[in-house]
Structure formats: structure tokens, C-alpha cells
Amino acid sequence: MDLVAFADETASGKSCTRGGSISAYVGSLGASLATMVANLSSQKGWDDRWKEFSDWAEKGQAAKDELIRLVDQDTAAFNKIMTAFSLPKSTEERKNNSHTSHTRCNQICY
């Protein structure tokens, strides 16, 4: 899916993962930009601060990687909730799956 299609899908009224995944992805882009600046700053002319910029680049990469992991984790949690909601309302399976999915989502988010 290209970026235009992704934005259109996000803006639609369809049930799909949005808020948490998009927030984590936007955060990863911010971390990527900060890492880019740190990497560019560790080049010639900044020799006396090379270690500092290298450290920040490593931290930025780690933050980006964690945020990307959280995109996938949020999507998986959302999919579990949607699966639980698709079960007939009166079944014990739905009650159990809904409760478990909500509990797991809260654990991931907090």
C-alpha cells in the first residue's frame, strides 16, 4: 500500500488499526530523522564530538526499532479484539476473548 492509499484508509470509516499504530510509526519517523542528523553530524568537521553523535545515532536507531515493533504489536492486539467482536455476543468464548484481548491491549499500552 502506498502512502496515499494508507492515508485514505486511515481517514475512512472502516474498522482497522489506526491510532496506536500510526502514533508509533510517526514516532519512528521522528527518531529516524534525529538519527539521520546524528549520523550526518558525526562526519568530518565534528571530530571532537564524534563519540557524542555516534551515541545519539545508536539511541535513535534503538528508539526507531522499538517504535516499529510497537506498530506490529498494536496491530496484532487490534486484530485480536476484532476477532473477539466477530463472535456471537452471547457466547462464553466471546466474553473470554473480549476480556483477554482488552486486558492484553491495556498491558501493551501501559
C-alpha atoms as a PDB file:
ATOM      1  CA  MET A   1       0.000   0.000   0.000  1.00  0.00           C
ATOM      2  CA  ASP A   2       1.438   3.393  -0.930  1.00  0.00           C
ATOM      3  CA  LEU A   3       1.314   6.433   1.364  1.00  0.00           C
ATOM      4  CA  VAL A   4      -1.711   7.986  -0.342  1.00  0.00           C
ATOM      5  CA  ALA A   5      -3.699   4.761  -0.029  1.00  0.00           C
ATOM      6  CA  PHE A   6      -2.585   4.426   3.600  1.00  0.00           C
ATOM      7  CA  ALA A   7      -3.743   7.977   4.386  1.00  0.00           C
ATOM      8  CA  ASP A   8      -7.048   7.347   2.608  1.00  0.00           C
ATOM      9  CA  GLU A   9      -7.571   4.098   4.523  1.00  0.00           C
ATOM     10  CA  THR A  10      -6.787   5.879   7.785  1.00  0.00           C
ATOM     11  CA  ALA A  11      -9.320   8.618   7.020  1.00  0.00           C
ATOM     12  CA  SER A  12     -12.038   6.127   6.106  1.00  0.00           C
ATOM     13  CA  GLY A  13     -14.690   4.905   8.486  1.00  0.00           C
ATOM     14  CA  LYS A  14     -13.540   1.306   8.162  1.00  0.00           C
ATOM     15  CA  SER A  15     -12.538  -0.665  11.233  1.00  0.00           C
ATOM     16  CA  CYS A  16      -8.787  -1.029  11.069  1.00  0.00           C
ATOM     17  CA  THR A  17      -5.886  -0.357  13.331  1.00  0.00           C
ATOM     18  CA  ARG A  18      -5.157   3.348  13.425  1.00  0.00           C
ATOM     19  CA  GLY A  19      -4.319   5.428  16.464  1.00  0.00           C
ATOM     20  CA  GLY A  20      -1.680   3.423  18.280  1.00  0.00           C
ATOM     21  CA  SER A  21      -0.001   2.079  15.164  1.00  0.00           C
ATOM     22  CA  ILE A  22       0.063   5.416  13.413  1.00  0.00           C
ATOM     23  CA  SER A  23       1.351   7.206  16.514  1.00  0.00           C
ATOM     24  CA  ALA A  24       4.151   4.675  16.890  1.00  0.00           C
ATOM     25  CA  TYR A  25       5.010   4.934  13.190  1.00  0.00           C
ATOM     26  CA  VAL A  26       5.101   8.733  13.247  1.00  0.00           C
ATOM     27  CA  GLY A  27       7.345   8.488  16.325  1.00  0.00           C
ATOM     28  CA  SER A  28       9.644   6.143  14.413  1.00  0.00           C
ATOM     29  CA  LEU A  29       9.917   8.705  11.622  1.00  0.00           C
ATOM     30  CA  GLY A  30      10.889  11.372  14.162  1.00  0.00           C
ATOM     31  CA  ALA A  31      13.509   9.041  15.635  1.00  0.00           C
ATOM     32  CA  SER A  32      14.747   8.298  12.108  1.00  0.00           C
ATOM     33  CA  LEU A  33      15.197  11.997  11.375  1.00  0.00           C
ATOM     34  CA  ALA A  34      17.046  12.571  14.641  1.00  0.00           C
ATOM     35  CA  THR A  35      19.280   9.581  13.871  1.00  0.00           C
ATOM     36  CA  MET A  36      19.965  10.959  10.403  1.00  0.00           C
ATOM     37  CA  VAL A  37      21.094  14.277  11.897  1.00  0.00           C
ATOM     38  CA  ALA A  38      23.311  12.495  14.425  1.00  0.00           C
ATOM     39  CA  ASN A  39      24.876  10.402  11.653  1.00  0.00           C
ATOM     40  CA  LEU A  40      25.456  13.432   9.439  1.00  0.00           C
ATOM     41  CA  SER A  41      26.955  15.321  12.379  1.00  0.00           C
ATOM     42  CA  SER A  42      29.459  12.568  13.089  1.00  0.00           C
ATOM     43  CA  GLN A  43      31.214  13.273   9.785  1.00  0.00           C
ATOM     44  CA  LYS A  44      34.287  15.435   9.138  1.00  0.00           C
ATOM     45  CA  GLY A  45      34.359  18.743  10.921  1.00  0.00           C
ATOM     46  CA  TRP A  46      32.853  17.385  14.103  1.00  0.00           C
ATOM     47  CA  ASP A  47      35.765  15.162  15.117  1.00  0.00           C
ATOM     48  CA  ASP A  48      35.791  16.384  18.707  1.00  0.00           C
ATOM     49  CA  ARG A  49      32.111  15.347  19.110  1.00  0.00           C
ATOM     50  CA  TRP A  50      32.176  12.141  17.058  1.00  0.00           C
ATOM     51  CA  LYS A  51      31.521   9.900  20.104  1.00  0.00           C
ATOM     52  CA  GLU A  52      28.599  12.034  21.275  1.00  0.00           C
ATOM     53  CA  PHE A  53      26.898  11.966  17.881  1.00  0.00           C
ATOM     54  CA  SER A  54      27.572   8.259  17.429  1.00  0.00           C
ATOM     55  CA  ASP A  55      25.950   7.556  20.805  1.00  0.00           C
ATOM     56  CA  TRP A  56      22.882   9.584  19.826  1.00  0.00           C
ATOM     57  CA  ALA A  57      22.680   7.777  16.487  1.00  0.00           C
ATOM     58  CA  GLU A  58      22.658   4.412  18.287  1.00  0.00           C
ATOM     59  CA  LYS A  59      19.958   5.604  20.713  1.00  0.00           C
ATOM     60  CA  GLY A  60      17.881   6.932  17.823  1.00  0.00           C
ATOM     61  CA  GLN A  61      18.167   3.648  15.932  1.00  0.00           C
ATOM     62  CA  ALA A  62      17.085   1.714  19.031  1.00  0.00           C
ATOM     63  CA  ALA A  63      14.101   4.036  19.544  1.00  0.00           C
ATOM     64  CA  LYS A  64      13.088   3.675  15.893  1.00  0.00           C
ATOM     65  CA  ASP A  65      13.338  -0.117  16.069  1.00  0.00           C
ATOM     66  CA  GLU A  66      11.234  -0.253  19.261  1.00  0.00           C
ATOM     67  CA  LEU A  67       8.561   2.005  17.801  1.00  0.00           C
ATOM     68  CA  ILE A  68       8.357  -0.108  14.637  1.00  0.00           C
ATOM     69  CA  ARG A  69       7.967  -3.202  16.838  1.00  0.00           C
ATOM     70  CA  LEU A  70       5.122  -1.448  18.655  1.00  0.00           C
ATOM     71  CA  VAL A  71       3.358  -0.764  15.333  1.00  0.00           C
ATOM     72  CA  ASP A  72       3.170  -4.505  14.752  1.00  0.00           C
ATOM     73  CA  GLN A  73       2.229  -5.218  18.366  1.00  0.00           C
ATOM     74  CA  ASP A  74      -0.616  -2.686  18.268  1.00  0.00           C
ATOM     75  CA  THR A  75      -1.895  -4.157  15.005  1.00  0.00           C
ATOM     76  CA  ALA A  76      -1.841  -7.684  16.456  1.00  0.00           C
ATOM     77  CA  ALA A  77      -3.727  -6.521  19.571  1.00  0.00           C
ATOM     78  CA  PHE A  78      -6.321  -4.732  17.427  1.00  0.00           C
ATOM     79  CA  ASN A  79      -6.803  -7.842  15.287  1.00  0.00           C
ATOM     80  CA  LYS A  80      -7.445  -9.947  18.401  1.00  0.00           C
ATOM     81  CA  ILE A  81     -10.104  -7.525  19.593  1.00  0.00           C
ATOM     82  CA  MET A  82     -11.783  -7.547  16.187  1.00  0.00           C
ATOM     83  CA  THR A  83     -11.753 -11.362  16.211  1.00  0.00           C
ATOM     84  CA  ALA A  84     -13.395 -11.365  19.640  1.00  0.00           C
ATOM     85  CA  PHE A  85     -16.021  -8.860  18.476  1.00  0.00           C
ATOM     86  CA  SER A  86     -16.869 -11.055  15.484  1.00  0.00           C
ATOM     87  CA  LEU A  87     -18.004 -13.903  17.751  1.00  0.00           C
ATOM     88  CA  PRO A  88     -21.691 -14.162  18.687  1.00  0.00           C
ATOM     89  CA  LYS A  89     -22.343 -11.830  21.638  1.00  0.00           C
ATOM     90  CA  SER A  90     -23.942 -14.367  23.900  1.00  0.00           C
ATOM     91  CA  THR A  91     -21.164 -16.973  23.867  1.00  0.00           C
ATOM     92  CA  GLU A  92     -18.709 -17.551  26.686  1.00  0.00           C
ATOM     93  CA  GLU A  93     -15.941 -17.649  24.079  1.00  0.00           C
ATOM     94  CA  ARG A  94     -16.638 -14.034  23.114  1.00  0.00           C
ATOM     95  CA  LYS A  95     -16.787 -12.916  26.725  1.00  0.00           C
ATOM     96  CA  ASN A  96     -13.499 -14.638  27.470  1.00  0.00           C
ATOM     97  CA  ASN A  97     -11.777 -13.470  24.258  1.00  0.00           C
ATOM     98  CA  SER A  98     -13.011  -9.896  24.662  1.00  0.00           C
ATOM     99  CA  HIS A  99     -11.832  -9.708  28.244  1.00  0.00           C
ATOM    100  CA  THR A 100      -8.463 -11.303  27.442  1.00  0.00           C
ATOM    101  CA  SER A 101      -7.930  -9.082  24.378  1.00  0.00           C
ATOM    102  CA  HIS A 102      -8.792  -5.895  26.255  1.00  0.00           C
ATOM    103  CA  THR A 103      -6.540  -6.883  29.146  1.00  0.00           C
ATOM    104  CA  ARG A 104      -3.664  -7.619  26.769  1.00  0.00           C
ATOM    105  CA  CYS A 105      -4.170  -4.325  24.917  1.00  0.00           C
ATOM    106  CA  ASN A 106      -4.070  -2.424  28.189  1.00  0.00           C
ATOM    107  CA  GLN A 107      -0.877  -4.220  29.189  1.00  0.00           C
ATOM    108  CA  ILE A 108       0.746  -3.307  25.875  1.00  0.00           C
ATOM    109  CA  CYS A 109      -0.379   0.320  26.010  1.00  0.00           C
ATOM    110  CA  TYR A 110       0.546   0.951  29.604  1.00  0.00           C
END
